[in-house]
Amino acid sequence: MGHSEERAEGAGPFTTRLTWRLAAGETAVWESRAARKRGTLTVRPAGATESGVRRVGTSALNRLRRLNGIAAGSFTLGGALFVLGAALAQFSAMSSLGTATVYFIGGVFFTLGGYASLVQAINAPRRESAAGSLTTHRFRWWSYEPGRIDWLSTFVLFAGTLVFGINLLDSFLQGLTVQQMNRLVWAPDMVGCLLFLISGQLAVIEVCHGRPCLGRRSLGWWIVALNQLGSALFMVAALAAFTRPETGSLVSVGIANWGTLTGALCFAVAGVLQGFEHP
């Protein structure tokens, strides 16, 4: 059948789910996250009530599985190290240099996880409309595809991890004035949190197809919901970490540490769950 029978769902310029009729009368459904994470689309034969799953080739599935494993493991380790860093800052007498080191190593894992997620989106299988199947192209380390919601979400996430890296590096600097602390440490922290929130919202749109949804039976929904909760808690922590010029003290050390700890725990748990969302 022609493309006129395609039904697209999503938000704004982004298509997150596409339903179309094949020549044999079958109905094919492509979903952005399912294709990217599991290498699948569904096809329902004419007159049938159950849909079957069609997968991309074995080599492409292995590629998706490896990238997913790297991303999941990196976010789990990064989140766990941020939990440790926040706990040490709150409950121990460790020096600020020691906690900064733990945070920095965690930040390296976050950056690795962000880039692995972006590479997975770059190399996600593409739909082949006429055949109702998925195809792949040669492996790429980089692309520029802002019209795809999965690419944009993972790119913004990766950018956020890089900005956090600036924040974490600057936190090693000693003898900063209040103004320098807010400019070199706090400002990148805020920008990183904002980018995480934008990335998380794009991921929510992708998994919910542009509508509010509560996907309690969807592993993908739980992952993006936990990540977005973690991003919100990171933002709370960043707001509490602003240094007051008049006193030279943080708005709230406790809120900054607990916001970081609980937010990082969300990312770590989401990383563990992501380990199961593979082909």
Protein backbone atom coordinates (compact mmCIF):
# COMPACT_ATOMS: atom_id res chain seq x y z
CA MET A 1 0.00 0.00 0.00
CA GLY A 2 1.09 3.60 -0.36
CA HIS A 3 2.59 5.86 2.23
CA SER A 4 -0.79 7.63 2.53
CA GLU A 5 -1.85 4.86 4.93
CA GLU A 6 0.98 5.61 7.33
CA ARG A 7 -0.07 6.82 10.78
CA ALA A 8 2.63 8.71 12.65
CA GLU A 9 2.67 9.43 16.39
CA GLY A 10 5.00 11.61 18.39
CA ALA A 11 5.39 15.27 19.32
CA GLY A 12 6.28 18.31 17.24
CA PRO A 13 8.62 17.36 14.40
CA PHE A 14 9.49 14.00 15.99
CA THR A 15 7.99 10.65 15.01
CA THR A 16 8.26 8.05 17.76
CA ARG A 17 5.85 5.41 16.43
CA LEU A 18 4.77 4.67 12.87
CA THR A 19 2.01 2.27 11.79
CA TRP A 20 1.59 1.33 8.13
CA ARG A 21 0.03 -1.32 5.86
CA LEU A 22 2.20 -3.71 3.89
CA ALA A 23 1.40 -4.98 0.40
CA ALA A 24 0.22 -8.36 1.72
CA GLY A 25 -2.28 -6.66 4.04
CA GLU A 26 -0.14 -6.97 7.17
CA THR A 27 0.15 -4.08 9.61
CA ALA A 28 3.68 -3.06 10.62
CA VAL A 29 4.49 -0.96 13.69
CA TRP A 30 7.88 0.71 14.17
CA GLU A 31 8.75 2.32 17.51
CA SER A 32 11.86 4.45 17.93
CA ARG A 33 12.96 3.01 21.28
CA ALA A 34 12.19 -0.63 20.42
CA ALA A 35 14.18 -0.40 17.19
CA ARG A 36 17.11 1.32 18.89
CA LYS A 37 17.26 -0.80 22.05
CA ARG A 38 16.02 -4.20 20.92
CA GLY A 39 16.36 -4.09 17.12
CA THR A 40 12.70 -5.00 16.60
CA LEU A 41 9.48 -3.94 14.93
CA THR A 42 6.11 -5.74 15.07
CA VAL A 43 4.02 -7.07 12.20
CA ARG A 44 0.41 -8.27 12.48
CA PRO A 45 -0.93 -10.45 9.65
CA ALA A 46 -4.23 -9.42 8.04
CA GLY A 47 -7.16 -10.59 10.17
CA ALA A 48 -4.96 -11.69 13.08
CA THR A 49 -5.14 -10.36 16.63
CA GLU A 50 -1.55 -11.16 17.65
CA SER A 51 1.53 -9.39 16.31
CA GLY A 52 4.84 -11.07 15.57
CA VAL A 53 8.28 -9.55 16.13
CA ARG A 54 10.74 -9.02 13.29
CA ARG A 55 14.37 -8.49 14.22
CA VAL A 56 17.30 -6.96 12.46
CA GLY A 57 20.26 -9.21 11.53
CA THR A 58 22.42 -11.01 14.09
CA SER A 59 25.50 -8.80 13.69
CA ALA A 60 23.41 -5.66 14.23
CA LEU A 61 21.76 -7.22 17.30
CA ASN A 62 25.16 -8.06 18.76
CA ARG A 63 26.29 -4.47 18.15
CA LEU A 64 23.21 -3.08 19.93
CA ARG A 65 23.73 -5.53 22.81
CA ARG A 66 27.37 -4.50 23.30
CA LEU A 67 26.59 -0.76 23.22
CA ASN A 68 23.69 -1.24 25.61
CA GLY A 69 25.92 -3.18 28.00
CA ILE A 70 28.56 -0.43 27.98
CA ALA A 71 25.95 2.29 28.60
CA ALA A 72 24.14 0.34 31.33
CA GLY A 73 27.34 -0.60 33.14
CA SER A 74 28.72 2.94 32.90
CA PHE A 75 25.59 4.58 34.32
CA THR A 76 25.42 1.99 37.10
CA LEU A 77 29.06 2.58 38.11
CA GLY A 78 28.82 6.34 37.66
CA GLY A 79 25.67 6.53 39.74
CA ALA A 80 27.18 4.30 42.46
CA LEU A 81 30.30 6.49 42.67
CA PHE A 82 28.18 9.65 42.94
CA VAL A 83 26.21 7.98 45.75
CA LEU A 84 29.52 7.19 47.47
CA GLY A 85 30.82 10.72 46.95
CA ALA A 86 27.68 12.30 48.38
CA ALA A 87 27.67 9.89 51.35
CA LEU A 88 31.32 10.69 52.10
CA ALA A 89 30.61 14.43 51.88
CA GLN A 90 27.63 14.13 54.21
CA PHE A 91 28.79 11.57 56.77
CA SER A 92 32.61 11.47 56.78
CA ALA A 93 35.47 13.83 57.49
CA MET A 94 37.10 13.14 54.12
CA SER A 95 38.71 16.17 52.51
CA SER A 96 36.98 18.01 49.69
CA LEU A 97 39.80 16.79 47.40
CA GLY A 98 38.96 13.18 48.24
CA THR A 99 35.24 13.54 47.52
CA ALA A 100 36.03 15.52 44.36
CA THR A 101 38.15 12.59 43.16
CA VAL A 102 35.31 10.11 43.73
CA TYR A 103 32.87 12.42 41.91
CA PHE A 104 35.30 12.89 39.02
CA ILE A 105 35.75 9.15 38.44
CA GLY A 106 31.97 8.79 38.55
CA GLY A 107 31.71 11.61 36.02
CA VAL A 108 34.04 9.75 33.65
CA PHE A 109 31.68 6.76 33.72
CA PHE A 110 28.67 9.04 33.16
CA THR A 111 30.41 10.50 30.09
CA LEU A 112 31.20 7.03 28.75
CA GLY A 113 27.58 6.00 29.27
CA GLY A 114 26.34 9.14 27.52
CA TYR A 115 28.57 8.56 24.50
CA ALA A 116 27.67 4.85 24.27
CA SER A 117 23.99 5.84 24.29
CA LEU A 118 24.63 8.35 21.49
CA VAL A 119 26.54 5.77 19.41
CA GLN A 120 23.68 3.32 19.91
CA ALA A 121 21.23 5.92 18.57
CA ILE A 122 23.54 6.70 15.62
CA ASN A 123 23.66 3.03 14.68
CA ALA A 124 20.02 2.21 15.41
CA PRO A 125 18.35 0.03 12.74
CA ARG A 126 16.21 1.95 10.23
CA ARG A 127 12.84 0.78 8.92
CA GLU A 128 12.38 -0.49 5.40
CA SER A 129 8.77 0.49 4.63
CA ALA A 130 7.98 -1.76 1.66
CA ALA A 131 9.31 -4.94 3.28
CA GLY A 132 8.21 -4.18 6.83
CA SER A 133 11.69 -4.90 8.15
CA LEU A 134 14.69 -3.20 9.71
CA THR A 135 18.00 -2.52 7.98
CA THR A 136 21.38 -1.28 9.19
CA HIS A 137 24.22 0.71 7.67
CA ARG A 138 27.93 0.55 8.33
CA PHE A 139 29.03 1.34 11.87
CA ARG A 140 29.56 5.05 12.62
CA TRP A 141 31.07 6.84 15.61
CA TRP A 142 29.31 10.13 14.85
CA SER A 143 26.38 11.62 12.93
CA TYR A 144 24.30 14.79 12.96
CA GLU A 145 20.58 13.97 12.96
CA PRO A 146 18.69 16.47 15.16
CA GLY A 147 15.42 15.53 13.43
CA ARG A 148 15.47 12.17 15.26
CA ILE A 149 14.28 12.31 18.86
CA ASP A 150 16.52 9.42 19.98
CA TRP A 151 19.61 11.11 18.51
CA LEU A 152 18.71 14.48 20.05
CA SER A 153 17.95 13.03 23.48
CA THR A 154 21.22 11.08 23.66
CA PHE A 155 23.25 13.96 22.19
CA VAL A 156 21.91 16.40 24.82
CA LEU A 157 22.61 13.78 27.52
CA PHE A 158 26.21 13.38 26.28
CA ALA A 159 26.62 17.18 26.17
CA GLY A 160 25.35 17.32 29.76
CA THR A 161 27.96 14.79 30.91
CA LEU A 162 30.72 16.87 29.26
CA VAL A 163 29.53 20.03 31.04
CA PHE A 164 29.44 18.10 34.32
CA GLY A 165 33.05 17.16 33.55
CA ILE A 166 33.97 20.87 33.53
CA ASN A 167 32.18 21.30 36.86
CA LEU A 168 34.00 18.28 38.35
CA LEU A 169 37.41 19.39 37.08
CA ASP A 170 36.94 22.91 38.41
CA SER A 171 35.99 21.51 41.82
CA PHE A 172 39.67 20.51 42.24
CA LEU A 173 40.71 24.18 42.16
CA GLN A 174 41.74 25.54 45.54
CA GLY A 175 41.47 29.04 47.01
CA LEU A 176 38.62 30.25 44.78
CA THR A 177 36.64 33.35 45.70
CA VAL A 178 32.86 33.07 46.08
CA GLN A 179 32.36 34.59 42.62
CA GLN A 180 34.83 32.14 41.08
CA MET A 181 33.15 29.21 42.85
CA ASN A 182 29.77 30.19 41.45
CA ARG A 183 31.12 30.84 37.95
CA LEU A 184 33.50 27.89 37.57
CA VAL A 185 31.83 25.18 39.67
CA TRP A 186 28.18 26.06 40.24
CA ALA A 187 27.30 27.46 36.78
CA PRO A 188 28.48 24.34 34.83
CA ASP A 189 26.64 22.20 37.39
CA MET A 190 23.39 24.08 36.66
CA VAL A 191 23.89 23.86 32.89
CA GLY A 192 24.60 20.12 33.14
CA CYS A 193 21.47 19.56 35.23
CA LEU A 194 19.38 21.52 32.73
CA LEU A 195 20.72 19.46 29.82
CA PHE A 196 19.95 16.24 31.73
CA LEU A 197 16.38 17.43 32.29
CA ILE A 198 15.93 18.31 28.59
CA SER A 199 17.36 14.94 27.53
CA GLY A 200 15.12 13.14 30.02
CA GLN A 201 12.02 14.96 28.77
CA LEU A 202 12.82 13.99 25.18
CA ALA A 203 13.21 10.37 26.34
CA VAL A 204 9.81 10.55 28.08
CA ILE A 205 8.25 11.89 24.87
CA GLU A 206 9.88 9.06 22.92
CA VAL A 207 8.61 6.29 25.18
CA CYS A 208 5.13 7.85 25.62
CA HIS A 209 4.76 8.99 21.97
CA GLY A 210 4.04 12.59 22.88
CA ARG A 211 1.25 11.92 25.37
CA PRO A 212 1.28 11.70 29.18
CA CYS A 213 1.54 8.02 30.06
CA LEU A 214 2.08 5.69 32.98
CA GLY A 215 3.78 2.63 31.51
CA ARG A 216 4.01 0.46 34.58
CA ARG A 217 4.54 -2.68 32.46
CA SER A 218 7.14 -1.03 30.22
CA LEU A 219 10.78 -1.46 31.20
CA GLY A 220 11.72 1.49 28.97
CA TRP A 221 9.21 3.71 30.79
CA TRP A 222 10.66 2.83 34.21
CA ILE A 223 14.18 3.57 32.97
CA VAL A 224 13.35 7.01 31.58
CA ALA A 225 11.14 7.85 34.59
CA LEU A 226 13.95 7.01 37.04
CA ASN A 227 16.47 8.97 34.97
CA GLN A 228 14.19 12.00 34.87
CA LEU A 229 13.59 11.79 38.63
CA GLY A 230 17.36 11.59 39.10
CA SER A 231 17.84 14.65 36.89
CA ALA A 232 15.27 16.60 38.95
CA LEU A 233 17.03 15.65 42.19
CA PHE A 234 20.39 16.69 40.68
CA MET A 235 18.84 20.08 39.87
CA VAL A 236 17.60 20.45 43.47
CA ALA A 237 21.13 19.61 44.68
CA ALA A 238 22.66 22.15 42.29
CA LEU A 239 20.32 24.92 43.48
CA ALA A 240 21.24 24.14 47.08
CA ALA A 241 24.96 24.22 46.21
CA PHE A 242 24.93 27.93 45.28
CA THR A 243 27.44 29.87 47.42
CA ARG A 244 25.89 32.95 49.03
CA PRO A 245 28.15 35.96 48.32
CA GLU A 246 27.28 37.64 51.63
CA THR A 247 28.18 34.64 53.83
CA GLY A 248 30.46 32.48 51.64
CA SER A 249 28.44 29.40 52.59
CA LEU A 250 26.23 27.10 50.52
CA VAL A 251 22.46 27.57 50.51
CA SER A 252 22.15 24.10 52.09
CA VAL A 253 24.94 21.55 52.35
CA GLY A 254 22.51 18.85 53.47
CA ILE A 255 20.11 19.32 50.55
CA ALA A 256 23.05 19.47 48.11
CA ASN A 257 24.45 16.17 49.40
CA TRP A 258 21.13 14.35 49.78
CA GLY A 259 19.88 15.59 46.39
CA THR A 260 23.06 14.29 44.76
CA LEU A 261 22.89 10.98 46.64
CA THR A 262 19.24 10.21 45.83
CA GLY A 263 19.55 11.47 42.25
CA ALA A 264 22.62 9.31 41.66
CA LEU A 265 20.82 6.32 43.18
CA CYS A 266 18.06 6.81 40.59
CA PHE A 267 20.63 6.75 37.78
CA ALA A 268 22.34 3.67 39.22
CA VAL A 269 19.06 1.73 39.48
CA ALA A 270 18.06 2.85 35.98
CA GLY A 271 21.46 1.63 34.77
CA VAL A 272 20.80 -1.81 36.26
CA LEU A 273 17.36 -1.92 34.60
CA GLN A 274 18.88 -0.78 31.30
CA GLY A 275 21.06 -3.87 31.40
CA PHE A 276 17.90 -5.91 30.75
CA GLU A 277 16.59 -3.73 27.89
CA HIS A 278 18.56 -5.36 25.10
CA PRO A 279 17.95 -7.57 22.05
